[in-house]
Amino acid sequence: LPLSLHAVHALTDAPQLTLLVPGGKPRSGELALTGPLTLASLAALRF
């Protein structure tokens, strides 16, 4: 589960990898995902 859209893009076509995408609001430029949707996504999972 990447916490930035840059990393999501880097892993989109990974052949063996299971990609999970959280909710959230991307910060400009950084494209880091933040906010209540991101926090809720993390709270629902265990890594």
All heavy atoms as atom14 arrays in JSON, in Angstrom:
{
  "sequence": "LPLSLHAVHALTDAPQLTLLVPGGKPRSGELALTGPLTLASLAALRF",
  "atom14_mask": [
    [1, 1, 1, 1, 1, 1, 1, 1, 0, 0, 0, 0, 0, 0],
    [1, 1, 1, 1, 1, 1, 1, 0, 0, 0, 0, 0, 0, 0],
    [1, 1, 1, 1, 1, 1, 1, 1, 0, 0, 0, 0, 0, 0],
    [1, 1, 1, 1, 1, 1, 0, 0, 0, 0, 0, 0, 0, 0],
    [1, 1, 1, 1, 1, 1, 1, 1, 0, 0, 0, 0, 0, 0],
    [1, 1, 1, 1, 1, 1, 1, 1, 1, 1, 0, 0, 0, 0],
    [1, 1, 1, 1, 1, 0, 0, 0, 0, 0, 0, 0, 0, 0],
    [1, 1, 1, 1, 1, 1, 1, 0, 0, 0, 0, 0, 0, 0],
    [1, 1, 1, 1, 1, 1, 1, 1, 1, 1, 0, 0, 0, 0],
    [1, 1, 1, 1, 1, 0, 0, 0, 0, 0, 0, 0, 0, 0],
    [1, 1, 1, 1, 1, 1, 1, 1, 0, 0, 0, 0, 0, 0],
    [1, 1, 1, 1, 1, 1, 1, 0, 0, 0, 0, 0, 0, 0],
    [1, 1, 1, 1, 1, 1, 1, 1, 0, 0, 0, 0, 0, 0],
    [1, 1, 1, 1, 1, 0, 0, 0, 0, 0, 0, 0, 0, 0],
    [1, 1, 1, 1, 1, 1, 1, 0, 0, 0, 0, 0, 0, 0],
    [1, 1, 1, 1, 1, 1, 1, 1, 1, 0, 0, 0, 0, 0],
    [1, 1, 1, 1, 1, 1, 1, 1, 0, 0, 0, 0, 0, 0],
    [1, 1, 1, 1, 1, 1, 1, 0, 0, 0, 0, 0, 0, 0],
    [1, 1, 1, 1, 1, 1, 1, 1, 0, 0, 0, 0, 0, 0],
    [1, 1, 1, 1, 1, 1, 1, 1, 0, 0, 0, 0, 0, 0],
    [1, 1, 1, 1, 1, 1, 1, 0, 0, 0, 0, 0, 0, 0],
    [1, 1, 1, 1, 1, 1, 1, 0, 0, 0, 0, 0, 0, 0],
    [1, 1, 1, 1, 0, 0, 0, 0, 0, 0, 0, 0, 0, 0],
    [1, 1, 1, 1, 0, 0, 0, 0, 0, 0, 0, 0, 0, 0],
    [1, 1, 1, 1, 1, 1, 1, 1, 1, 0, 0, 0, 0, 0],
    [1, 1, 1, 1, 1, 1, 1, 0, 0, 0, 0, 0, 0, 0],
    [1, 1, 1, 1, 1, 1, 1, 1, 1, 1, 1, 0, 0, 0],
    [1, 1, 1, 1, 1, 1, 0, 0, 0, 0, 0, 0, 0, 0],
    [1, 1, 1, 1, 0, 0, 0, 0, 0, 0, 0, 0, 0, 0],
    [1, 1, 1, 1, 1, 1, 1, 1, 1, 0, 0, 0, 0, 0],
    [1, 1, 1, 1, 1, 1, 1, 1, 0, 0, 0, 0, 0, 0],
    [1, 1, 1, 1, 1, 0, 0, 0, 0, 0, 0, 0, 0, 0],
    [1, 1, 1, 1, 1, 1, 1, 1, 0, 0, 0, 0, 0, 0],
    [1, 1, 1, 1, 1, 1, 1, 0, 0, 0, 0, 0, 0, 0],
    [1, 1, 1, 1, 0, 0, 0, 0, 0, 0, 0, 0, 0, 0],
    [1, 1, 1, 1, 1, 1, 1, 0, 0, 0, 0, 0, 0, 0],
    [1, 1, 1, 1, 1, 1, 1, 1, 0, 0, 0, 0, 0, 0],
    [1, 1, 1, 1, 1, 1, 1, 0, 0, 0, 0, 0, 0, 0],
    [1, 1, 1, 1, 1, 1, 1, 1, 0, 0, 0, 0, 0, 0],
    [1, 1, 1, 1, 1, 0, 0, 0, 0, 0, 0, 0, 0, 0],
    [1, 1, 1, 1, 1, 1, 0, 0, 0, 0, 0, 0, 0, 0],
    [1, 1, 1, 1, 1, 1, 1, 1, 0, 0, 0, 0, 0, 0],
    [1, 1, 1, 1, 1, 0, 0, 0, 0, 0, 0, 0, 0, 0],
    [1, 1, 1, 1, 1, 0, 0, 0, 0, 0, 0, 0, 0, 0],
    [1, 1, 1, 1, 1, 1, 1, 1, 0, 0, 0, 0, 0, 0],
    [1, 1, 1, 1, 1, 1, 1, 1, 1, 1, 1, 0, 0, 0],
    [1, 1, 1, 1, 1, 1, 1, 1, 1, 1, 1, 0, 0, 0]
  ],
  "atom14_positions": [
    [[0.86, -1.17, 0.0], [0.0, 0.0, 0.0], [0.9, 1.23, 0.0], [1.5, 1.55, 1.03], [-0.93, 0.01, 1.21], [-1.93, 1.17, 1.25], [-3.31, 0.69, 1.65], [-1.48, 2.27, 2.21], [0.0, 0.0, 0.0], [0.0, 0.0, 0.0], [0.0, 0.0, 0.0], [0.0, 0.0, 0.0], [0.0, 0.0, 0.0], [0.0, 0.0, 0.0]],
    [[1.07, 1.9, -1.13], [1.9, 3.1, -1.18], [1.11, 4.31, -0.69], [-0.09, 4.41, -0.92], [2.25, 3.25, -2.67], [1.66, 2.03, -3.35], [0.58, 1.53, -2.47], [0.0, 0.0, 0.0], [0.0, 0.0, 0.0], [0.0, 0.0, 0.0], [0.0, 0.0, 0.0], [0.0, 0.0, 0.0], [0.0, 0.0, 0.0], [0.0, 0.0, 0.0]],
    [[1.82, 5.26, -0.09], [1.19, 6.45, 0.45], [1.47, 7.68, -0.4], [1.35, 8.81, 0.07], [1.65, 6.68, 1.9], [1.19, 5.59, 2.87], [1.81, 5.78, 4.24], [-0.33, 5.54, 2.97], [0.0, 0.0, 0.0], [0.0, 0.0, 0.0], [0.0, 0.0, 0.0], [0.0, 0.0, 0.0], [0.0, 0.0, 0.0], [0.0, 0.0, 0.0]],
    [[1.85, 7.45, -1.66], [1.98, 8.56, -2.61], [1.6, 8.08, -3.99], [1.79, 6.9, -4.33], [3.4, 9.12, -2.62], [4.24, 8.4, -3.51], [0.0, 0.0, 0.0], [0.0, 0.0, 0.0], [0.0, 0.0, 0.0], [0.0, 0.0, 0.0], [0.0, 0.0, 0.0], [0.0, 0.0, 0.0], [0.0, 0.0, 0.0], [0.0, 0.0, 0.0]],
    [[1.08, 9.0, -4.8], [0.7, 8.64, -6.16], [1.91, 8.37, -7.04], [1.83, 7.63, -8.02], [-0.18, 9.73, -6.77], [-1.53, 9.96, -6.07], [-2.34, 11.0, -6.83], [-2.31, 8.65, -5.94], [0.0, 0.0, 0.0], [0.0, 0.0, 0.0], [0.0, 0.0, 0.0], [0.0, 0.0, 0.0], [0.0, 0.0, 0.0], [0.0, 0.0, 0.0]],
    [[3.06, 8.96, -6.7], [4.29, 8.65, -7.44], [4.61, 7.16, -7.3], [4.94, 6.49, -8.29], [5.47, 9.48, -6.91], [5.4, 10.93, -7.23], [5.39, 11.41, -8.53], [5.34, 12.03, -6.43], [5.34, 12.74, -8.51], [5.29, 13.13, -7.25], [0.0, 0.0, 0.0], [0.0, 0.0, 0.0], [0.0, 0.0, 0.0], [0.0, 0.0, 0.0]],
    [[4.54, 6.64, -6.08], [4.83, 5.23, -5.85], [3.75, 4.33, -6.43], [4.03, 3.24, -6.93], [5.01, 4.96, -4.36], [0.0, 0.0, 0.0], [0.0, 0.0, 0.0], [0.0, 0.0, 0.0], [0.0, 0.0, 0.0], [0.0, 0.0, 0.0], [0.0, 0.0, 0.0], [0.0, 0.0, 0.0], [0.0, 0.0, 0.0], [0.0, 0.0, 0.0]],
    [[2.49, 4.77, -6.36], [1.4, 4.01, -6.99], [1.7, 3.81, -8.48], [1.6, 2.71, -9.02], [0.05, 4.72, -6.81], [-1.03, 4.07, -7.69], [-0.38, 4.68, -5.34], [0.0, 0.0, 0.0], [0.0, 0.0, 0.0], [0.0, 0.0, 0.0], [0.0, 0.0, 0.0], [0.0, 0.0, 0.0], [0.0, 0.0, 0.0], [0.0, 0.0, 0.0]],
    [[2.11, 4.89, -9.13], [2.43, 4.82, -10.57], [3.6, 3.86, -10.81], [3.58, 3.07, -11.77], [2.77, 6.21, -11.09], [3.16, 6.23, -12.54], [2.25, 6.04, -13.55], [4.37, 6.4, -13.13], [2.88, 6.09, -14.72], [4.16, 6.31, -14.49], [0.0, 0.0, 0.0], [0.0, 0.0, 0.0], [0.0, 0.0, 0.0], [0.0, 0.0, 0.0]],
    [[4.62, 3.91, -9.94], [5.79, 3.05, -10.12], [5.45, 1.57, -9.98], [6.13, 0.71, -10.55], [6.87, 3.43, -9.11], [0.0, 0.0, 0.0], [0.0, 0.0, 0.0], [0.0, 0.0, 0.0], [0.0, 0.0, 0.0], [0.0, 0.0, 0.0], [0.0, 0.0, 0.0], [0.0, 0.0, 0.0], [0.0, 0.0, 0.0], [0.0, 0.0, 0.0]],
    [[4.38, 1.24, -9.25], [4.03, -0.15, -8.97], [2.82, -0.65, -9.76], [2.45, -1.83, -9.65], [3.74, -0.32, -7.47], [4.93, -0.09, -6.54], [4.48, -0.08, -5.09], [6.0, -1.16, -6.76], [0.0, 0.0, 0.0], [0.0, 0.0, 0.0], [0.0, 0.0, 0.0], [0.0, 0.0, 0.0], [0.0, 0.0, 0.0], [0.0, 0.0, 0.0]],
    [[2.24, 0.2, -10.58], [0.99, -0.15, -11.25], [1.11, -1.4, -12.12], [0.21, -2.25, -12.14], [0.5, 1.02, -12.11], [0.21, 2.12, -11.25], [-0.75, 0.65, -12.89], [0.0, 0.0, 0.0], [0.0, 0.0, 0.0], [0.0, 0.0, 0.0], [0.0, 0.0, 0.0], [0.0, 0.0, 0.0], [0.0, 0.0, 0.0], [0.0, 0.0, 0.0]],
    [[2.22, -1.56, -12.83], [2.37, -2.7, -13.74], [3.24, -3.8, -13.18], [3.7, -4.67, -13.93], [2.95, -2.21, -15.07], [1.99, -1.28, -15.8], [0.78, -1.51, -15.73], [2.47, -0.3, -16.41], [0.0, 0.0, 0.0], [0.0, 0.0, 0.0], [0.0, 0.0, 0.0], [0.0, 0.0, 0.0], [0.0, 0.0, 0.0], [0.0, 0.0, 0.0]],
    [[3.5, -3.8, -11.86], [4.33, -4.84, -11.26], [3.63, -6.2, -11.4], [2.5, -6.37, -10.94], [4.58, -4.52, -9.79], [0.0, 0.0, 0.0], [0.0, 0.0, 0.0], [0.0, 0.0, 0.0], [0.0, 0.0, 0.0], [0.0, 0.0, 0.0], [0.0, 0.0, 0.0], [0.0, 0.0, 0.0], [0.0, 0.0, 0.0], [0.0, 0.0, 0.0]],
    [[4.28, -7.19, -12.02], [3.58, -8.42, -12.4], [3.12, -9.3, -11.25], [2.04, -9.88, -11.3], [4.61, -9.15, -13.27], [5.94, -8.57, -12.87], [5.67, -7.17, -12.48], [0.0, 0.0, 0.0], [0.0, 0.0, 0.0], [0.0, 0.0, 0.0], [0.0, 0.0, 0.0], [0.0, 0.0, 0.0], [0.0, 0.0, 0.0], [0.0, 0.0, 0.0]],
    [[3.94, -9.42, -10.19], [3.59, -10.34, -9.08], [3.01, -9.62, -7.88], [2.52, -10.26, -6.95], [4.83, -11.11, -8.62], [5.49, -11.97, -9.68], [6.66, -12.73, -9.1], [6.49, -13.77, -8.45], [7.86, -12.22, -9.29], [0.0, 0.0, 0.0], [0.0, 0.0, 0.0], [0.0, 0.0, 0.0], [0.0, 0.0, 0.0], [0.0, 0.0, 0.0]],
    [[3.09, -8.32, -7.87], [2.76, -7.54, -6.69], [1.27, -7.24, -6.61], [0.65, -6.89, -7.61], [3.58, -6.24, -6.71], [3.52, -5.32, -5.5], [4.91, -4.76, -5.21], [2.55, -4.17, -5.77], [0.0, 0.0, 0.0], [0.0, 0.0, 0.0], [0.0, 0.0, 0.0], [0.0, 0.0, 0.0], [0.0, 0.0, 0.0], [0.0, 0.0, 0.0]],
    [[0.71, -7.38, -5.4], [-0.67, -6.96, -5.16], [-0.65, -5.52, -4.67], [-0.09, -5.23, -3.62], [-1.34, -7.86, -4.11], [-1.36, -9.22, -4.59], [-2.77, -7.4, -3.85], [0.0, 0.0, 0.0], [0.0, 0.0, 0.0], [0.0, 0.0, 0.0], [0.0, 0.0, 0.0], [0.0, 0.0, 0.0], [0.0, 0.0, 0.0], [0.0, 0.0, 0.0]],
    [[-1.23, -4.63, -5.46], [-1.19, -3.2, -5.16], [-2.51, -2.76, -4.52], [-3.58, -2.96, -5.08], [-0.95, -2.42, -6.45], [-0.93, -0.89, -6.34], [0.21, -0.42, -5.44], [-0.8, -0.27, -7.73], [0.0, 0.0, 0.0], [0.0, 0.0, 0.0], [0.0, 0.0, 0.0], [0.0, 0.0, 0.0], [0.0, 0.0, 0.0], [0.0, 0.0, 0.0]],
    [[-2.41, -2.17, -3.34], [-3.55, -1.57, -2.67], [-3.4, -0.05, -2.73], [-2.31, 0.47, -2.51], [-3.63, -2.02, -1.21], [-3.66, -3.52, -0.95], [-3.69, -3.79, 0.56], [-4.85, -4.17, -1.63], [0.0, 0.0, 0.0], [0.0, 0.0, 0.0], [0.0, 0.0, 0.0], [0.0, 0.0, 0.0], [0.0, 0.0, 0.0], [0.0, 0.0, 0.0]],
    [[-4.48, 0.65, -3.01], [-4.41, 2.11, -3.13], [-5.33, 2.73, -2.08], [-6.54, 2.48, -2.08], [-4.83, 2.57, -4.54], [-4.74, 4.09, -4.65], [-3.95, 1.9, -5.6], [0.0, 0.0, 0.0], [0.0, 0.0, 0.0], [0.0, 0.0, 0.0], [0.0, 0.0, 0.0], [0.0, 0.0, 0.0], [0.0, 0.0, 0.0], [0.0, 0.0, 0.0]],
    [[-4.78, 3.55, -1.18], [-5.59, 4.16, -0.13], [-6.37, 5.36, -0.68], [-6.08, 5.87, -1.75], [-4.54, 4.62, 0.89], [-3.35, 4.94, 0.05], [-3.36, 3.94, -1.08], [0.0, 0.0, 0.0], [0.0, 0.0, 0.0], [0.0, 0.0, 0.0], [0.0, 0.0, 0.0], [0.0, 0.0, 0.0], [0.0, 0.0, 0.0], [0.0, 0.0, 0.0]],
    [[-7.35, 5.79, 0.08], [-7.98, 7.07, -0.22], [-7.11, 8.2, 0.28], [-6.04, 7.98, 0.85], [0.0, 0.0, 0.0], [0.0, 0.0, 0.0], [0.0, 0.0, 0.0], [0.0, 0.0, 0.0], [0.0, 0.0, 0.0], [0.0, 0.0, 0.0], [0.0, 0.0, 0.0], [0.0, 0.0, 0.0], [0.0, 0.0, 0.0], [0.0, 0.0, 0.0]],
    [[-7.57, 9.42, 0.07], [-6.84, 10.56, 0.61], [-6.71, 11.69, -0.38], [-7.08, 11.57, -1.55], [0.0, 0.0, 0.0], [0.0, 0.0, 0.0], [0.0, 0.0, 0.0], [0.0, 0.0, 0.0], [0.0, 0.0, 0.0], [0.0, 0.0, 0.0], [0.0, 0.0, 0.0], [0.0, 0.0, 0.0], [0.0, 0.0, 0.0], [0.0, 0.0, 0.0]],
    [[-6.15, 12.78, 0.12], [-5.96, 13.98, -0.68], [-4.47, 14.12, -1.01], [-3.65, 14.23, -0.1], [-6.44, 15.21, 0.09], [-6.28, 16.52, -0.67], [-6.77, 17.69, 0.17], [-6.59, 19.01, -0.57], [-7.07, 20.16, 0.25], [0.0, 0.0, 0.0], [0.0, 0.0, 0.0], [0.0, 0.0, 0.0], [0.0, 0.0, 0.0], [0.0, 0.0, 0.0]],
    [[-4.09, 14.13, -2.3], [-2.68, 14.27, -2.64], [-2.18, 15.69, -2.41], [-2.84, 16.65, -2.8], [-2.62, 13.91, -4.13], [-3.97, 13.39, -4.49], [-4.93, 13.92, -3.48], [0.0, 0.0, 0.0], [0.0, 0.0, 0.0], [0.0, 0.0, 0.0], [0.0, 0.0, 0.0], [0.0, 0.0, 0.0], [0.0, 0.0, 0.0], [0.0, 0.0, 0.0]],
    [[-1.02, 15.81, -1.76], [-0.37, 17.11, -1.63], [0.25, 17.5, -2.97], [0.84, 16.67, -3.65], [0.73, 17.06, -0.57], [0.23, 16.99, 0.85], [1.34, 16.61, 1.81], [2.51, 17.45, 1.67], [3.72, 17.11, 2.11], [3.9, 15.93, 2.68], [4.73, 17.93, 1.98], [0.0, 0.0, 0.0], [0.0, 0.0, 0.0], [0.0, 0.0, 0.0]],
    [[0.14, 18.75, -3.32], [0.65, 19.25, -4.59], [2.15, 18.95, -4.72], [2.92, 19.17, -3.78], [0.42, 20.76, -4.7], [0.96, 21.27, -5.89], [0.0, 0.0, 0.0], [0.0, 0.0, 0.0], [0.0, 0.0, 0.0], [0.0, 0.0, 0.0], [0.0, 0.0, 0.0], [0.0, 0.0, 0.0], [0.0, 0.0, 0.0], [0.0, 0.0, 0.0]],
    [[2.56, 18.46, -5.89], [3.96, 18.18, -6.15], [4.41, 16.89, -5.51], [4.84, 15.95, -6.19], [0.0, 0.0, 0.0], [0.0, 0.0, 0.0], [0.0, 0.0, 0.0], [0.0, 0.0, 0.0], [0.0, 0.0, 0.0], [0.0, 0.0, 0.0], [0.0, 0.0, 0.0], [0.0, 0.0, 0.0], [0.0, 0.0, 0.0], [0.0, 0.0, 0.0]],
    [[4.29, 16.8, -4.2], [4.7, 15.61, -3.46], [3.82, 14.41, -3.8], [4.29, 13.27, -3.82], [4.6, 15.91, -1.96], [5.32, 14.93, -1.08], [6.81, 15.2, -1.03], [7.24, 16.3, -1.36], [7.53, 14.27, -0.65], [0.0, 0.0, 0.0], [0.0, 0.0, 0.0], [0.0, 0.0, 0.0], [0.0, 0.0, 0.0], [0.0, 0.0, 0.0]],
    [[2.52, 14.67, -4.03], [1.51, 13.65, -4.29], [1.41, 12.64, -3.16], [0.99, 11.5, -3.37], [1.76, 12.95, -5.64], [1.73, 13.86, -6.87], [1.82, 13.01, -8.14], [0.47, 14.73, -6.9], [0.0, 0.0, 0.0], [0.0, 0.0, 0.0], [0.0, 0.0, 0.0], [0.0, 0.0, 0.0], [0.0, 0.0, 0.0], [0.0, 0.0, 0.0]],
    [[1.83, 13.05, -1.94], [1.63, 12.22, -0.76], [0.16, 12.27, -0.38], [-0.47, 13.33, -0.43], [2.49, 12.73, 0.39], [0.0, 0.0, 0.0], [0.0, 0.0, 0.0], [0.0, 0.0, 0.0], [0.0, 0.0, 0.0], [0.0, 0.0, 0.0], [0.0, 0.0, 0.0], [0.0, 0.0, 0.0], [0.0, 0.0, 0.0], [0.0, 0.0, 0.0]],
    [[-0.39, 11.13, 0.01], [-1.8, 11.04, 0.37], [-1.97, 11.3, 1.86], [-1.31, 10.67, 2.69], [-2.34, 9.66, -0.01], [-2.37, 9.41, -1.52], [-2.48, 7.93, -1.82], [-3.5, 10.19, -2.17], [0.0, 0.0, 0.0], [0.0, 0.0, 0.0], [0.0, 0.0, 0.0], [0.0, 0.0, 0.0], [0.0, 0.0, 0.0], [0.0, 0.0, 0.0]],
    [[-2.84, 12.25, 2.2], [-3.07, 12.6, 3.59], [-4.56, 12.81, 3.83], [-5.37, 12.78, 2.9], [-2.32, 13.9, 3.96], [-2.81, 14.98, 3.15], [-0.82, 13.76, 3.76], [0.0, 0.0, 0.0], [0.0, 0.0, 0.0], [0.0, 0.0, 0.0], [0.0, 0.0, 0.0], [0.0, 0.0, 0.0], [0.0, 0.0, 0.0], [0.0, 0.0, 0.0]],
    [[-4.91, 13.01, 5.1], [-6.29, 13.3, 5.45], [-7.03, 12.11, 6.02], [-6.49, 11.0, 6.13], [0.0, 0.0, 0.0], [0.0, 0.0, 0.0], [0.0, 0.0, 0.0], [0.0, 0.0, 0.0], [0.0, 0.0, 0.0], [0.0, 0.0, 0.0], [0.0, 0.0, 0.0], [0.0, 0.0, 0.0], [0.0, 0.0, 0.0], [0.0, 0.0, 0.0]],
    [[-8.31, 12.3, 6.37], [-9.08, 11.25, 7.06], [-9.27, 9.98, 6.24], [-9.32, 8.89, 6.81], [-10.43, 11.93, 7.35], [-10.48, 13.14, 6.48], [-9.06, 13.57, 6.28], [0.0, 0.0, 0.0], [0.0, 0.0, 0.0], [0.0, 0.0, 0.0], [0.0, 0.0, 0.0], [0.0, 0.0, 0.0], [0.0, 0.0, 0.0], [0.0, 0.0, 0.0]],
    [[-9.36, 10.09, 4.92], [-9.52, 8.88, 4.11], [-8.25, 8.03, 4.15], [-8.32, 6.79, 4.19], [-9.87, 9.25, 2.67], [-11.23, 9.9, 2.45], [-11.42, 10.28, 0.99], [-12.35, 8.97, 2.9], [0.0, 0.0, 0.0], [0.0, 0.0, 0.0], [0.0, 0.0, 0.0], [0.0, 0.0, 0.0], [0.0, 0.0, 0.0], [0.0, 0.0, 0.0]],
    [[-7.09, 8.67, 4.14], [-5.83, 7.93, 4.25], [-5.71, 7.28, 5.62], [-5.34, 6.1, 5.73], [-4.64, 8.88, 4.02], [-4.83, 9.61, 2.82], [-3.34, 8.1, 3.93], [0.0, 0.0, 0.0], [0.0, 0.0, 0.0], [0.0, 0.0, 0.0], [0.0, 0.0, 0.0], [0.0, 0.0, 0.0], [0.0, 0.0, 0.0], [0.0, 0.0, 0.0]],
    [[-6.05, 8.02, 6.66], [-5.97, 7.47, 8.01], [-6.93, 6.3, 8.19], [-6.6, 5.29, 8.83], [-6.28, 8.57, 9.04], [-5.32, 9.77, 9.04], [-5.77, 10.8, 10.07], [-3.9, 9.32, 9.33], [0.0, 0.0, 0.0], [0.0, 0.0, 0.0], [0.0, 0.0, 0.0], [0.0, 0.0, 0.0], [0.0, 0.0, 0.0], [0.0, 0.0, 0.0]],
    [[-8.12, 6.41, 7.6], [-9.09, 5.31, 7.69], [-8.59, 4.08, 6.94], [-8.78, 2.94, 7.41], [-10.43, 5.77, 7.12], [0.0, 0.0, 0.0], [0.0, 0.0, 0.0], [0.0, 0.0, 0.0], [0.0, 0.0, 0.0], [0.0, 0.0, 0.0], [0.0, 0.0, 0.0], [0.0, 0.0, 0.0], [0.0, 0.0, 0.0], [0.0, 0.0, 0.0]],
    [[-7.96, 4.27, 5.8], [-7.41, 3.14, 5.04], [-6.35, 2.41, 5.87], [-6.32, 1.17, 5.9], [-6.78, 3.63, 3.73], [-7.75, 4.21, 2.89], [0.0, 0.0, 0.0], [0.0, 0.0, 0.0], [0.0, 0.0, 0.0], [0.0, 0.0, 0.0], [0.0, 0.0, 0.0], [0.0, 0.0, 0.0], [0.0, 0.0, 0.0], [0.0, 0.0, 0.0]],
    [[-5.49, 3.16, 6.53], [-4.43, 2.54, 7.34], [-5.02, 1.84, 8.57], [-4.58, 0.75, 8.95], [-3.43, 3.6, 7.77], [-2.54, 4.14, 6.65], [-1.81, 5.4, 7.1], [-1.55, 3.08, 6.19], [0.0, 0.0, 0.0], [0.0, 0.0, 0.0], [0.0, 0.0, 0.0], [0.0, 0.0, 0.0], [0.0, 0.0, 0.0], [0.0, 0.0, 0.0]],
    [[-6.03, 2.44, 9.18], [-6.64, 1.85, 10.38], [-7.33, 0.53, 10.07], [-7.47, -0.33, 10.95], [-7.63, 2.83, 11.0], [0.0, 0.0, 0.0], [0.0, 0.0, 0.0], [0.0, 0.0, 0.0], [0.0, 0.0, 0.0], [0.0, 0.0, 0.0], [0.0, 0.0, 0.0], [0.0, 0.0, 0.0], [0.0, 0.0, 0.0], [0.0, 0.0, 0.0]],
    [[-7.76, 0.35, 8.82], [-8.5, -0.86, 8.44], [-7.6, -2.04, 8.1], [-8.1, -3.15, 7.89], [-9.39, -0.55, 7.22], [0.0, 0.0, 0.0], [0.0, 0.0, 0.0], [0.0, 0.0, 0.0], [0.0, 0.0, 0.0], [0.0, 0.0, 0.0], [0.0, 0.0, 0.0], [0.0, 0.0, 0.0], [0.0, 0.0, 0.0], [0.0, 0.0, 0.0]],
    [[-6.29, -1.84, 8.08], [-5.36, -2.87, 7.64], [-4.27, -3.11, 8.67], [-4.02, -2.28, 9.53], [-4.73, -2.46, 6.3], [-5.71, -2.27, 5.13], [-5.01, -1.57, 3.96], [-6.29, -3.6, 4.7], [0.0, 0.0, 0.0], [0.0, 0.0, 0.0], [0.0, 0.0, 0.0], [0.0, 0.0, 0.0], [0.0, 0.0, 0.0], [0.0, 0.0, 0.0]],
    [[-3.61, -4.26, 8.55], [-2.47, -4.61, 9.39], [-1.34, -5.1, 8.47], [-1.54, -5.98, 7.65], [-2.83, -5.68, 10.42], [-3.86, -5.21, 11.45], [-3.28, -4.1, 12.33], [-4.24, -3.61, 13.32], [-5.06, -2.58, 13.13], [-5.05, -1.94, 11.96], [-5.87, -2.19, 14.07], [0.0, 0.0, 0.0], [0.0, 0.0, 0.0], [0.0, 0.0, 0.0]],
    [[-0.16, -4.52, 8.66], [0.97, -4.79, 7.77], [2.1, -5.49, 8.52], [2.28, -5.32, 9.72], [1.5, -3.48, 7.19], [0.48, -2.71, 6.41], [-0.28, -1.72, 7.03], [0.25, -2.97, 5.07], [-1.23, -1.0, 6.32], [-0.7, -2.27, 4.35], [-1.44, -1.28, 4.98], [0.0, 0.0, 0.0], [0.0, 0.0, 0.0], [0.0, 0.0, 0.0]]
  ]
}
